[in-house]
Amino acid sequence: MAKKVVTFGEIMLRLSPPGYQRFVQANSFDVVYGGGEANVAVSLANYGLDAYFVSKIPKHEIGQCAVDHLRRYGVHTDYIIRDGDRLGIYFLEIGASQRPSKVVYDRAGSAIAQVKAGEFDWDRILDGAAWFHFTGITPALGDGPAAATLEAVQTAKAKGVKVSADLNYRKKLWTPEKANQVMGKLMEYVDVAIGNEEDAEKVFGIKAGRTDVTSGQIDHEGYQQVARQLVERFGLEKVAITLRESISASDNNWSAMLYDGRGFYRSRVYKVHIVDRVGGGDSFAGGLIYSLLAGKTPQDALEFAVAASALKHSIFGDFNLVSAAEVETLAGGDASGRVQR
């Protein structure tokens, strides 16, 4: 039987102009659905795990579209509460070359933001689960979602379920002070923390030495100190940090590091030409969760997660629609992109 993994968060309707058009050029929008924890659930389902996504989604037809989109890729939706008035929306203008991508959110008052403590039966939801995953986006949606997330991680810990958190700081949702206060409580129940170049600094004030995310300069020794401080502060088992060297909106160098309290591991670096970077961090989280549940070594788990996220950059939409075999091929060194016949 496949291992059960549960993720909790918001799924949104994404509207983006076709191709690389700007908002002001658009006469139509491409429609996809996505959100941090939903993206992770899709990755895990694609890898053959028993993936469940938990959320609150309106009963109306647009809400049903989001639910159907998850089911299409094998994600279980049994524990989704169908209530509320609206599904959150975000608009994405896909950048190219030296023009950055832009996101406009229209998510205030979404169904998941109206969640209150006690609405989810976490004991039932997490029964038989091997892993629970959330991101910093969910508690940032309001005090209700934050309280529900705390209930979830407390239940997970009591049931012996591993917990991972992607810090995912969003400045449009809350302040660093509020994030520090709320996430600090949640992190007490986390086993594996995931972040990018800025998350630890924005949420916990832990900064990596000489790194400059704007210029793409990365100080690996500085990030080792960040990971070590996170482990010491919260008693974490592992910390993974994705490292993006942004050459332009179209081309990045992509890699990651992992610290398990004993040693530091660095992945190979991928030169990625970007089709769609949204969900890149989530695809890394999905790859890491799958690898750790599969019993891979820290180095192999890291390489699988980075390869998975490198492939995501080539796929339009929020979801990483690749199989474990495809990821293993890339992680094994075949980055040629040659036609497979």
C-alpha atoms as a PDB file:
ATOM      1  CA  MET A   1       0.000   0.000   0.000  1.00  0.00           C
ATOM      2  CA  ALA A   2       1.277   3.457  -0.918  1.00  0.00           C
ATOM      3  CA  LYS A   3       2.206   5.753   1.951  1.00  0.00           C
ATOM      4  CA  LYS A   4      -0.381   8.398   2.864  1.00  0.00           C
ATOM      5  CA  VAL A   5       0.718  12.024   2.737  1.00  0.00           C
ATOM      6  CA  VAL A   6      -1.510  14.967   3.696  1.00  0.00           C
ATOM      7  CA  THR A   7      -1.073  18.600   2.651  1.00  0.00           C
ATOM      8  CA  PHE A   8      -3.137  21.591   3.866  1.00  0.00           C
ATOM      9  CA  GLY A   9      -3.596  24.963   2.212  1.00  0.00           C
ATOM     10  CA  GLU A  10      -5.227  27.069  -0.469  1.00  0.00           C
ATOM     11  CA  ILE A  11      -5.771  26.287  -4.134  1.00  0.00           C
ATOM     12  CA  MET A  12      -6.407  29.262  -6.396  1.00  0.00           C
ATOM     13  CA  LEU A  13      -7.579  30.010  -9.902  1.00  0.00           C
ATOM     14  CA  ARG A  14      -4.649  31.295 -11.964  1.00  0.00           C
ATOM     15  CA  LEU A  15      -5.275  33.579 -14.931  1.00  0.00           C
ATOM     16  CA  SER A  16      -2.400  34.480 -17.237  1.00  0.00           C
ATOM     17  CA  PRO A  17      -2.158  36.131 -20.663  1.00  0.00           C
ATOM     18  CA  PRO A  18      -1.272  33.660 -23.448  1.00  0.00           C
ATOM     19  CA  GLY A  19       2.428  33.204 -24.138  1.00  0.00           C
ATOM     20  CA  TYR A  20       4.522  36.098 -22.955  1.00  0.00           C
ATOM     21  CA  GLN A  21       1.930  38.826 -23.407  1.00  0.00           C
ATOM     22  CA  ARG A  22       1.659  41.623 -20.902  1.00  0.00           C
ATOM     23  CA  PHE A  23      -1.551  42.201 -18.944  1.00  0.00           C
ATOM     24  CA  VAL A  24      -2.349  45.275 -21.043  1.00  0.00           C
ATOM     25  CA  GLN A  25      -2.126  43.216 -24.253  1.00  0.00           C
ATOM     26  CA  ALA A  26      -4.384  40.393 -23.166  1.00  0.00           C
ATOM     27  CA  ASN A  27      -7.761  39.719 -24.766  1.00  0.00           C
ATOM     28  CA  SER A  28      -8.023  36.354 -23.027  1.00  0.00           C
ATOM     29  CA  PHE A  29      -6.441  34.455 -20.140  1.00  0.00           C
ATOM     30  CA  ASP A  30      -5.168  30.899 -19.839  1.00  0.00           C
ATOM     31  CA  VAL A  31      -6.755  29.070 -16.894  1.00  0.00           C
ATOM     32  CA  VAL A  32      -4.956  26.732 -14.514  1.00  0.00           C
ATOM     33  CA  TYR A  33      -5.268  26.007 -10.795  1.00  0.00           C
ATOM     34  CA  GLY A  34      -2.540  25.868  -8.195  1.00  0.00           C
ATOM     35  CA  GLY A  35      -1.267  26.689  -4.735  1.00  0.00           C
ATOM     36  CA  GLY A  36       1.721  25.723  -2.611  1.00  0.00           C
ATOM     37  CA  GLU A  37       0.383  22.643  -0.835  1.00  0.00           C
ATOM     38  CA  ALA A  38      -1.816  21.554  -3.745  1.00  0.00           C
ATOM     39  CA  ASN A  39       1.254  21.610  -5.994  1.00  0.00           C
ATOM     40  CA  VAL A  40       3.092  19.345  -3.552  1.00  0.00           C
ATOM     41  CA  ALA A  41       0.155  16.936  -3.407  1.00  0.00           C
ATOM     42  CA  VAL A  42       0.116  16.609  -7.201  1.00  0.00           C
ATOM     43  CA  SER A  43       3.850  15.841  -7.268  1.00  0.00           C
ATOM     44  CA  LEU A  44       3.435  13.148  -4.624  1.00  0.00           C
ATOM     45  CA  ALA A  45       0.472  11.585  -6.429  1.00  0.00           C
ATOM     46  CA  ASN A  46       2.525  11.487  -9.638  1.00  0.00           C
ATOM     47  CA  TYR A  47       5.248   9.620  -7.735  1.00  0.00           C
ATOM     48  CA  GLY A  48       2.737   6.976  -6.637  1.00  0.00           C
ATOM     49  CA  LEU A  49       2.039   8.096  -3.071  1.00  0.00           C
ATOM     50  CA  ASP A  50      -1.437   8.310  -1.513  1.00  0.00           C
ATOM     51  CA  ALA A  51      -1.677  12.110  -1.601  1.00  0.00           C
ATOM     52  CA  TYR A  52      -4.497  14.022   0.126  1.00  0.00           C
ATOM     53  CA  PHE A  53      -5.113  17.758  -0.157  1.00  0.00           C
ATOM     54  CA  VAL A  54      -7.093  19.425   2.634  1.00  0.00           C
ATOM     55  CA  SER A  55      -8.727  22.817   2.163  1.00  0.00           C
ATOM     56  CA  LYS A  56     -11.994  24.757   2.175  1.00  0.00           C
ATOM     57  CA  ILE A  57     -13.393  25.335  -1.318  1.00  0.00           C
ATOM     58  CA  PRO A  58     -16.734  26.837  -2.423  1.00  0.00           C
ATOM     59  CA  LYS A  59     -19.527  24.535  -3.556  1.00  0.00           C
ATOM     60  CA  HIS A  60     -20.119  26.474  -6.765  1.00  0.00           C
ATOM     61  CA  GLU A  61     -18.888  25.498 -10.225  1.00  0.00           C
ATOM     62  CA  ILE A  62     -15.572  27.354 -10.050  1.00  0.00           C
ATOM     63  CA  GLY A  63     -14.771  25.590  -6.797  1.00  0.00           C
ATOM     64  CA  GLN A  64     -15.686  22.297  -8.449  1.00  0.00           C
ATOM     65  CA  CYS A  65     -13.268  23.067 -11.288  1.00  0.00           C
ATOM     66  CA  ALA A  66     -10.435  23.310  -8.751  1.00  0.00           C
ATOM     67  CA  VAL A  67     -11.454  20.035  -7.093  1.00  0.00           C
ATOM     68  CA  ASP A  68     -11.729  18.291 -10.462  1.00  0.00           C
ATOM     69  CA  HIS A  69      -8.294  19.603 -11.436  1.00  0.00           C
ATOM     70  CA  LEU A  70      -6.774  17.915  -8.368  1.00  0.00           C
ATOM     71  CA  ARG A  71      -8.633  14.667  -9.003  1.00  0.00           C
ATOM     72  CA  ARG A  72      -7.428  14.650 -12.600  1.00  0.00           C
ATOM     73  CA  TYR A  73      -3.892  14.072 -11.323  1.00  0.00           C
ATOM     74  CA  GLY A  74      -4.779  11.488  -8.686  1.00  0.00           C
ATOM     75  CA  VAL A  75      -4.988  13.682  -5.578  1.00  0.00           C
ATOM     76  CA  HIS A  76      -7.563  12.603  -2.981  1.00  0.00           C
ATOM     77  CA  THR A  77     -10.060  15.335  -2.059  1.00  0.00           C
ATOM     78  CA  ASP A  78     -12.077  13.451   0.598  1.00  0.00           C
ATOM     79  CA  TYR A  79     -11.272  15.888   3.412  1.00  0.00           C
ATOM     80  CA  ILE A  80     -11.957  19.143   1.572  1.00  0.00           C
ATOM     81  CA  ILE A  81     -14.741  21.188   3.181  1.00  0.00           C
ATOM     82  CA  ARG A  82     -17.114  22.552   0.526  1.00  0.00           C
ATOM     83  CA  ASP A  83     -18.253  25.938   1.800  1.00  0.00           C
ATOM     84  CA  GLY A  84     -17.594  29.662   1.477  1.00  0.00           C
ATOM     85  CA  ASP A  85     -18.296  32.188  -1.250  1.00  0.00           C
ATOM     86  CA  ARG A  86     -15.193  32.460  -3.382  1.00  0.00           C
ATOM     87  CA  LEU A  87     -12.049  30.809  -4.663  1.00  0.00           C
ATOM     88  CA  GLY A  88      -8.926  32.937  -4.482  1.00  0.00           C
ATOM     89  CA  ILE A  89      -7.580  34.236  -7.801  1.00  0.00           C
ATOM     90  CA  TYR A  90      -4.158  35.336  -8.923  1.00  0.00           C
ATOM     91  CA  PHE A  91      -3.093  36.890 -12.192  1.00  0.00           C
ATOM     92  CA  LEU A  92       0.328  36.007 -13.598  1.00  0.00           C
ATOM     93  CA  GLU A  93       2.208  37.907 -16.284  1.00  0.00           C
ATOM     94  CA  ILE A  94       5.037  35.619 -17.379  1.00  0.00           C
ATOM     95  CA  GLY A  95       8.324  37.485 -17.758  1.00  0.00           C
ATOM     96  CA  ALA A  96      11.052  36.951 -20.301  1.00  0.00           C
ATOM     97  CA  SER A  97      14.683  37.962 -20.629  1.00  0.00           C
ATOM     98  CA  GLN A  98      15.237  41.062 -18.482  1.00  0.00           C
ATOM     99  CA  ARG A  99      11.485  41.649 -17.873  1.00  0.00           C
ATOM    100  CA  PRO A 100      10.417  39.965 -14.624  1.00  0.00           C
ATOM    101  CA  SER A 101       7.213  38.025 -14.080  1.00  0.00           C
ATOM    102  CA  LYS A 102       4.493  39.858 -12.167  1.00  0.00           C
ATOM    103  CA  VAL A 103       1.740  38.562  -9.892  1.00  0.00           C
ATOM    104  CA  VAL A 104      -1.452  40.343  -8.861  1.00  0.00           C
ATOM    105  CA  TYR A 105      -3.491  38.675  -6.090  1.00  0.00           C
ATOM    106  CA  ASP A 106      -7.264  38.759  -5.709  1.00  0.00           C
ATOM    107  CA  ARG A 107      -7.671  36.377  -2.795  1.00  0.00           C
ATOM    108  CA  ALA A 108      -9.165  38.433   0.065  1.00  0.00           C
ATOM    109  CA  GLY A 109     -12.207  36.729   1.557  1.00  0.00           C
ATOM    110  CA  SER A 110     -11.513  33.349  -0.034  1.00  0.00           C
ATOM    111  CA  ALA A 111     -13.135  30.280   1.510  1.00  0.00           C
ATOM    112  CA  ILE A 112      -9.917  28.982   3.087  1.00  0.00           C
ATOM    113  CA  ALA A 113      -9.270  32.376   4.715  1.00  0.00           C
ATOM    114  CA  GLN A 114     -12.588  31.985   6.582  1.00  0.00           C
ATOM    115  CA  VAL A 115     -11.518  28.727   8.261  1.00  0.00           C
ATOM    116  CA  LYS A 116     -11.874  28.617  12.036  1.00  0.00           C
ATOM    117  CA  ALA A 117     -10.222  26.405  14.637  1.00  0.00           C
ATOM    118  CA  GLY A 118     -12.025  23.101  15.064  1.00  0.00           C
ATOM    119  CA  GLU A 119     -13.438  22.837  11.532  1.00  0.00           C
ATOM    120  CA  PHE A 120     -11.187  19.957  10.484  1.00  0.00           C
ATOM    121  CA  ASP A 121     -11.137  16.550  12.180  1.00  0.00           C
ATOM    122  CA  TRP A 122      -7.365  16.219  12.109  1.00  0.00           C
ATOM    123  CA  ASP A 123      -7.349  12.978  14.087  1.00  0.00           C
ATOM    124  CA  ARG A 124      -9.361  11.315  11.306  1.00  0.00           C
ATOM    125  CA  ILE A 125      -7.567  13.124   8.481  1.00  0.00           C
ATOM    126  CA  LEU A 126      -4.105  12.137   9.720  1.00  0.00           C
ATOM    127  CA  ASP A 127      -5.032   8.581  10.664  1.00  0.00           C
ATOM    128  CA  GLY A 128      -2.531   6.267   8.969  1.00  0.00           C
ATOM    129  CA  ALA A 129      -0.553   9.153   7.487  1.00  0.00           C
ATOM    130  CA  ALA A 130       3.214   9.031   7.148  1.00  0.00           C
ATOM    131  CA  TRP A 131       3.719  12.743   6.429  1.00  0.00           C
ATOM    132  CA  PHE A 132       2.002  16.141   6.794  1.00  0.00           C
ATOM    133  CA  HIS A 133       3.064  19.226   4.821  1.00  0.00           C
ATOM    134  CA  PHE A 134       2.134  22.895   4.997  1.00  0.00           C
ATOM    135  CA  THR A 135       3.662  26.202   3.915  1.00  0.00           C
ATOM    136  CA  GLY A 136       3.944  29.620   5.501  1.00  0.00           C
ATOM    137  CA  ILE A 137       1.259  30.838   3.099  1.00  0.00           C
ATOM    138  CA  THR A 138      -1.590  29.059   4.899  1.00  0.00           C
ATOM    139  CA  PRO A 139      -1.159  30.593   8.395  1.00  0.00           C
ATOM    140  CA  ALA A 140      -0.554  33.952   6.700  1.00  0.00           C
ATOM    141  CA  LEU A 141      -4.129  33.921   5.397  1.00  0.00           C
ATOM    142  CA  GLY A 142      -5.508  34.824   8.829  1.00  0.00           C
ATOM    143  CA  ASP A 143      -5.784  33.855  12.475  1.00  0.00           C
ATOM    144  CA  GLY A 144      -8.311  31.093  11.667  1.00  0.00           C
ATOM    145  CA  PRO A 145      -6.110  29.275   9.138  1.00  0.00           C
ATOM    146  CA  ALA A 146      -3.142  29.739  11.494  1.00  0.00           C
ATOM    147  CA  ALA A 147      -5.088  28.117  14.342  1.00  0.00           C
ATOM    148  CA  ALA A 148      -6.162  25.245  12.068  1.00  0.00           C
ATOM    149  CA  THR A 149      -2.555  24.705  10.993  1.00  0.00           C
ATOM    150  CA  LEU A 150      -1.441  24.602  14.640  1.00  0.00           C
ATOM    151  CA  GLU A 151      -4.120  21.992  15.389  1.00  0.00           C
ATOM    152  CA  ALA A 152      -2.880  19.950  12.441  1.00  0.00           C
ATOM    153  CA  VAL A 153       0.794  19.922  13.419  1.00  0.00           C
ATOM    154  CA  GLN A 154      -0.010  19.213  17.067  1.00  0.00           C
ATOM    155  CA  THR A 155      -2.154  16.247  16.021  1.00  0.00           C
ATOM    156  CA  ALA A 156       0.503  15.049  13.603  1.00  0.00           C
ATOM    157  CA  LYS A 157       3.155  15.141  16.289  1.00  0.00           C
ATOM    158  CA  ALA A 158       0.913  13.249  18.726  1.00  0.00           C
ATOM    159  CA  LYS A 159       0.303  10.554  16.085  1.00  0.00           C
ATOM    160  CA  GLY A 160       3.983  10.221  15.134  1.00  0.00           C
ATOM    161  CA  VAL A 161       3.503  11.748  11.676  1.00  0.00           C
ATOM    162  CA  LYS A 162       6.499  13.517  10.130  1.00  0.00           C
ATOM    163  CA  VAL A 163       5.886  17.215   9.490  1.00  0.00           C
ATOM    164  CA  SER A 164       7.475  19.455   6.858  1.00  0.00           C
ATOM    165  CA  ALA A 165       7.069  23.190   6.406  1.00  0.00           C
ATOM    166  CA  ASP A 166       8.055  25.376   3.487  1.00  0.00           C
ATOM    167  CA  LEU A 167       8.584  28.821   5.033  1.00  0.00           C
ATOM    168  CA  ASN A 168       7.303  30.549   1.867  1.00  0.00           C
ATOM    169  CA  TYR A 169       7.206  34.132   3.161  1.00  0.00           C
ATOM    170  CA  ARG A 170       4.714  36.367   1.307  1.00  0.00           C
ATOM    171  CA  LYS A 171       5.086  40.046   2.126  1.00  0.00           C
ATOM    172  CA  LYS A 172       1.655  40.854   0.652  1.00  0.00           C
ATOM    173  CA  LEU A 173      -0.004  38.608   3.259  1.00  0.00           C
ATOM    174  CA  TRP A 174       1.720  39.559   6.527  1.00  0.00           C
ATOM    175  CA  THR A 175       4.613  41.375   8.154  1.00  0.00           C
ATOM    176  CA  PRO A 176       7.916  39.791   9.174  1.00  0.00           C
ATOM    177  CA  GLU A 177       6.957  40.408  12.820  1.00  0.00           C
ATOM    178  CA  LYS A 178       3.651  38.544  12.499  1.00  0.00           C
ATOM    179  CA  ALA A 179       5.308  35.762  10.502  1.00  0.00           C
ATOM    180  CA  ASN A 180       7.963  35.328  13.185  1.00  0.00           C
ATOM    181  CA  GLN A 181       5.351  35.134  15.921  1.00  0.00           C
ATOM    182  CA  VAL A 182       3.057  32.625  14.190  1.00  0.00           C
ATOM    183  CA  MET A 183       5.646  30.491  12.421  1.00  0.00           C
ATOM    184  CA  GLY A 184       7.778  30.332  15.552  1.00  0.00           C
ATOM    185  CA  LYS A 185       4.995  28.407  17.317  1.00  0.00           C
ATOM    186  CA  LEU A 186       4.361  26.113  14.367  1.00  0.00           C
ATOM    187  CA  MET A 187       8.028  25.270  13.871  1.00  0.00           C
ATOM    188  CA  GLU A 188       8.149  23.586  17.279  1.00  0.00           C
ATOM    189  CA  TYR A 189       6.285  20.674  15.643  1.00  0.00           C
ATOM    190  CA  VAL A 190       8.232  20.573  12.362  1.00  0.00           C
ATOM    191  CA  ASP A 191      10.788  17.904  11.438  1.00  0.00           C
ATOM    192  CA  VAL A 192      11.901  19.174   8.017  1.00  0.00           C
ATOM    193  CA  ALA A 193      12.070  22.860   7.091  1.00  0.00           C
ATOM    194  CA  ILE A 194      12.349  24.086   3.513  1.00  0.00           C
ATOM    195  CA  GLY A 195      13.129  27.609   2.364  1.00  0.00           C
ATOM    196  CA  ASN A 196      14.766  29.768  -0.270  1.00  0.00           C
ATOM    197  CA  GLU A 197      17.392  32.513  -0.176  1.00  0.00           C
ATOM    198  CA  GLU A 198      15.120  35.019   1.582  1.00  0.00           C
ATOM    199  CA  ASP A 199      12.682  33.039   3.739  1.00  0.00           C
ATOM    200  CA  ALA A 200      14.811  32.509   6.849  1.00  0.00           C
ATOM    201  CA  GLU A 201      15.807  36.181   6.851  1.00  0.00           C
ATOM    202  CA  LYS A 202      12.269  37.545   6.410  1.00  0.00           C
ATOM    203  CA  VAL A 203      10.600  35.200   8.893  1.00  0.00           C
ATOM    204  CA  PHE A 204      13.256  34.634  11.553  1.00  0.00           C
ATOM    205  CA  GLY A 205      15.849  37.335  10.923  1.00  0.00           C
ATOM    206  CA  ILE A 206      18.507  34.752  10.042  1.00  0.00           C
ATOM    207  CA  LYS A 207      20.532  36.058   7.089  1.00  0.00           C
ATOM    208  CA  ALA A 208      23.108  34.335   4.913  1.00  0.00           C
ATOM    209  CA  GLY A 209      26.400  36.237   4.838  1.00  0.00           C
ATOM    210  CA  ARG A 210      27.336  37.788   1.510  1.00  0.00           C
ATOM    211  CA  THR A 211      24.309  36.642  -0.489  1.00  0.00           C
ATOM    212  CA  ASP A 212      22.552  39.128  -2.792  1.00  0.00           C
ATOM    213  CA  VAL A 213      19.424  37.598  -4.357  1.00  0.00           C
ATOM    214  CA  THR A 214      19.088  40.477  -6.828  1.00  0.00           C
ATOM    215  CA  SER A 215      22.515  39.949  -8.362  1.00  0.00           C
ATOM    216  CA  GLY A 216      22.314  36.174  -7.957  1.00  0.00           C
ATOM    217  CA  GLN A 217      25.393  36.010  -5.712  1.00  0.00           C
ATOM    218  CA  ILE A 218      25.165  33.072  -3.304  1.00  0.00           C
ATOM    219  CA  ASP A 219      27.373  32.506  -0.277  1.00  0.00           C
ATOM    220  CA  HIS A 220      27.151  28.779   0.448  1.00  0.00           C
ATOM    221  CA  GLU A 221      28.971  29.034   3.767  1.00  0.00           C
ATOM    222  CA  GLY A 222      26.449  31.651   4.857  1.00  0.00           C
ATOM    223  CA  TYR A 223      23.588  29.274   4.133  1.00  0.00           C
ATOM    224  CA  GLN A 224      25.244  26.573   6.155  1.00  0.00           C
ATOM    225  CA  GLN A 225      25.076  28.956   9.110  1.00  0.00           C
ATOM    226  CA  VAL A 226      21.401  29.668   8.359  1.00  0.00           C
ATOM    227  CA  ALA A 227      20.591  25.942   8.315  1.00  0.00           C
ATOM    228  CA  ARG A 228      22.561  25.309  11.489  1.00  0.00           C
ATOM    229  CA  GLN A 229      20.777  28.131  13.330  1.00  0.00           C
ATOM    230  CA  LEU A 230      17.353  26.847  12.255  1.00  0.00           C
ATOM    231  CA  VAL A 231      18.179  23.330  13.474  1.00  0.00           C
ATOM    232  CA  GLU A 232      19.467  24.623  16.800  1.00  0.00           C
ATOM    233  CA  ARG A 233      16.535  26.980  17.362  1.00  0.00           C
ATOM    234  CA  PHE A 234      13.721  24.557  16.567  1.00  0.00           C
ATOM    235  CA  GLY A 235      15.242  21.107  17.017  1.00  0.00           C
ATOM    236  CA  LEU A 236      14.681  20.223  13.367  1.00  0.00           C
ATOM    237  CA  GLU A 237      15.845  16.970  11.809  1.00  0.00           C
ATOM    238  CA  LYS A 238      16.665  18.552   8.451  1.00  0.00           C
ATOM    239  CA  VAL A 239      16.785  21.908   6.695  1.00  0.00           C
ATOM    240  CA  ALA A 240      16.757  22.233   2.909  1.00  0.00           C
ATOM    241  CA  ILE A 241      17.429  25.522   1.126  1.00  0.00           C
ATOM    242  CA  THR A 242      16.856  26.042  -2.588  1.00  0.00           C
ATOM    243  CA  LEU A 243      19.438  28.274  -4.270  1.00  0.00           C
ATOM    244  CA  ARG A 244      18.382  30.283  -7.301  1.00  0.00           C
ATOM    245  CA  GLU A 245      20.995  32.300  -9.210  1.00  0.00           C
ATOM    246  CA  SER A 246      18.851  34.575 -11.337  1.00  0.00           C
ATOM    247  CA  ILE A 247      20.628  35.446 -14.580  1.00  0.00           C
ATOM    248  CA  SER A 248      17.395  36.773 -16.106  1.00  0.00           C
ATOM    249  CA  ALA A 249      13.666  35.982 -16.064  1.00  0.00           C
ATOM    250  CA  SER A 250      14.378  33.327 -18.698  1.00  0.00           C
ATOM    251  CA  ASP A 251      17.550  31.716 -17.383  1.00  0.00           C
ATOM    252  CA  ASN A 252      18.529  30.655 -13.877  1.00  0.00           C
ATOM    253  CA  ASN A 253      21.077  28.434 -12.221  1.00  0.00           C
ATOM    254  CA  TRP A 254      19.200  26.137  -9.844  1.00  0.00           C
ATOM    255  CA  SER A 255      20.531  24.022  -6.991  1.00  0.00           C
ATOM    256  CA  ALA A 256      19.971  23.323  -3.290  1.00  0.00           C
ATOM    257  CA  MET A 257      21.638  22.316  -0.058  1.00  0.00           C
ATOM    258  CA  LEU A 258      20.565  20.055   2.793  1.00  0.00           C
ATOM    259  CA  TYR A 259      21.678  19.912   6.442  1.00  0.00           C
ATOM    260  CA  ASP A 260      20.743  16.967   8.642  1.00  0.00           C
ATOM    261  CA  GLY A 261      22.378  18.070  11.870  1.00  0.00           C
ATOM    262  CA  ARG A 262      25.513  16.082  11.075  1.00  0.00           C
ATOM    263  CA  GLY A 263      26.617  17.094   7.626  1.00  0.00           C
ATOM    264  CA  PHE A 264      25.955  19.484   4.754  1.00  0.00           C
ATOM    265  CA  TYR A 265      25.054  18.259   1.293  1.00  0.00           C
ATOM    266  CA  ARG A 266      25.077  20.269  -1.951  1.00  0.00           C
ATOM    267  CA  SER A 267      23.379  19.277  -5.169  1.00  0.00           C
ATOM    268  CA  ARG A 268      24.588  19.630  -8.724  1.00  0.00           C
ATOM    269  CA  VAL A 269      23.716  22.931 -10.401  1.00  0.00           C
ATOM    270  CA  TYR A 270      21.230  22.971 -13.279  1.00  0.00           C
ATOM    271  CA  LYS A 271      21.176  25.695 -15.898  1.00  0.00           C
ATOM    272  CA  VAL A 272      17.431  26.037 -16.486  1.00  0.00           C
ATOM    273  CA  HIS A 273      15.741  27.867 -19.345  1.00  0.00           C
ATOM    274  CA  ILE A 274      12.399  28.819 -17.864  1.00  0.00           C
ATOM    275  CA  VAL A 275       8.997  28.076 -19.341  1.00  0.00           C
ATOM    276  CA  ASP A 276       7.171  28.663 -16.025  1.00  0.00           C
ATOM    277  CA  ARG A 277       8.899  29.057 -12.677  1.00  0.00           C
ATOM    278  CA  VAL A 278       5.746  29.115 -10.510  1.00  0.00           C
ATOM    279  CA  GLY A 279       5.704  26.031  -8.312  1.00  0.00           C
ATOM    280  CA  GLY A 280       9.452  25.470  -8.549  1.00  0.00           C
ATOM    281  CA  GLY A 281       9.900  25.444  -4.785  1.00  0.00           C
ATOM    282  CA  ASP A 282       6.828  23.256  -4.308  1.00  0.00           C
ATOM    283  CA  SER A 283       8.169  20.706  -6.791  1.00  0.00           C
ATOM    284  CA  PHE A 284      11.397  20.636  -4.776  1.00  0.00           C
ATOM    285  CA  ALA A 285       9.405  20.001  -1.578  1.00  0.00           C
ATOM    286  CA  GLY A 286       7.452  17.197  -3.254  1.00  0.00           C
ATOM    287  CA  GLY A 287      10.632  15.575  -4.480  1.00  0.00           C
ATOM    288  CA  LEU A 288      12.268  15.816  -1.075  1.00  0.00           C
ATOM    289  CA  ILE A 289       9.271  14.365   0.792  1.00  0.00           C
ATOM    290  CA  TYR A 290       9.017  11.471  -1.660  1.00  0.00           C
ATOM    291  CA  SER A 291      12.745  10.748  -1.433  1.00  0.00           C
ATOM    292  CA  LEU A 292      12.875  10.798   2.348  1.00  0.00           C
ATOM    293  CA  LEU A 293       9.837   8.512   2.586  1.00  0.00           C
ATOM    294  CA  ALA A 294      11.530   6.197   0.078  1.00  0.00           C
ATOM    295  CA  GLY A 295      14.554   5.952   2.389  1.00  0.00           C
ATOM    296  CA  LYS A 296      17.059   7.620   0.080  1.00  0.00           C
ATOM    297  CA  THR A 297      20.333   8.892   1.500  1.00  0.00           C
ATOM    298  CA  PRO A 298      20.483  12.645   2.187  1.00  0.00           C
ATOM    299  CA  GLN A 299      22.572  13.237  -0.949  1.00  0.00           C
ATOM    300  CA  ASP A 300      20.312  11.151  -3.178  1.00  0.00           C
ATOM    301  CA  ALA A 301      17.178  12.726  -1.705  1.00  0.00           C
ATOM    302  CA  LEU A 302      18.582  16.181  -2.402  1.00  0.00           C
ATOM    303  CA  GLU A 303      19.557  15.298  -5.964  1.00  0.00           C
ATOM    304  CA  PHE A 304      16.100  13.872  -6.688  1.00  0.00           C
ATOM    305  CA  ALA A 305      14.370  16.979  -5.303  1.00  0.00           C
ATOM    306  CA  VAL A 306      16.549  19.373  -7.308  1.00  0.00           C
ATOM    307  CA  ALA A 307      16.150  17.360 -10.502  1.00  0.00           C
ATOM    308  CA  ALA A 308      12.370  17.324 -10.004  1.00  0.00           C
ATOM    309  CA  SER A 309      12.260  21.082  -9.571  1.00  0.00           C
ATOM    310  CA  ALA A 310      14.566  21.661 -12.535  1.00  0.00           C
ATOM    311  CA  LEU A 311      12.082  19.750 -14.691  1.00  0.00           C
ATOM    312  CA  LYS A 312       9.182  21.792 -13.294  1.00  0.00           C
ATOM    313  CA  HIS A 313      10.685  24.960 -14.783  1.00  0.00           C
ATOM    314  CA  SER A 314       9.992  23.454 -18.224  1.00  0.00           C
ATOM    315  CA  ILE A 315       6.260  22.882 -17.598  1.00  0.00           C
ATOM    316  CA  PHE A 316       3.487  25.449 -17.969  1.00  0.00           C
ATOM    317  CA  GLY A 317       1.193  25.768 -14.958  1.00  0.00           C
ATOM    318  CA  ASP A 318       1.700  25.355 -11.218  1.00  0.00           C
ATOM    319  CA  PHE A 319       1.816  21.544 -11.143  1.00  0.00           C
ATOM    320  CA  ASN A 320       4.939  19.460 -11.758  1.00  0.00           C
ATOM    321  CA  LEU A 321       3.636  16.816 -14.156  1.00  0.00           C
ATOM    322  CA  VAL A 322       6.556  14.398 -14.188  1.00  0.00           C
ATOM    323  CA  SER A 323       7.008  10.799 -13.084  1.00  0.00           C
ATOM    324  CA  ALA A 324       9.555   9.491 -10.616  1.00  0.00           C
ATOM    325  CA  ALA A 325      11.272   7.651 -13.492  1.00  0.00           C
ATOM    326  CA  GLU A 326      11.729  10.899 -15.442  1.00  0.00           C
ATOM    327  CA  VAL A 327      13.228  12.569 -12.392  1.00  0.00           C
ATOM    328  CA  GLU A 328      15.563   9.626 -11.760  1.00  0.00           C
ATOM    329  CA  THR A 329      16.798   9.869 -15.362  1.00  0.00           C
ATOM    330  CA  LEU A 330      17.766  13.509 -14.928  1.00  0.00           C
ATOM    331  CA  ALA A 331      19.175  12.997 -11.426  1.00  0.00           C
ATOM    332  CA  GLY A 332      21.242  10.152 -12.865  1.00  0.00           C
ATOM    333  CA  GLY A 333      23.004  12.547 -15.221  1.00  0.00           C
ATOM    334  CA  ASP A 334      20.997  12.474 -18.461  1.00  0.00           C
ATOM    335  CA  ALA A 335      20.290  16.167 -19.043  1.00  0.00           C
ATOM    336  CA  SER A 336      20.564  15.968 -22.833  1.00  0.00           C
ATOM    337  CA  GLY A 337      16.876  16.577 -23.536  1.00  0.00           C
ATOM    338  CA  ARG A 338      17.121  14.249 -26.543  1.00  0.00           C
ATOM    339  CA  VAL A 339      13.865  12.997 -28.048  1.00  0.00           C
ATOM    340  CA  GLN A 340      12.735   9.726 -26.454  1.00  0.00           C
ATOM    341  CA  ARG A 341      11.387   7.245 -28.993  1.00  0.00           C
END
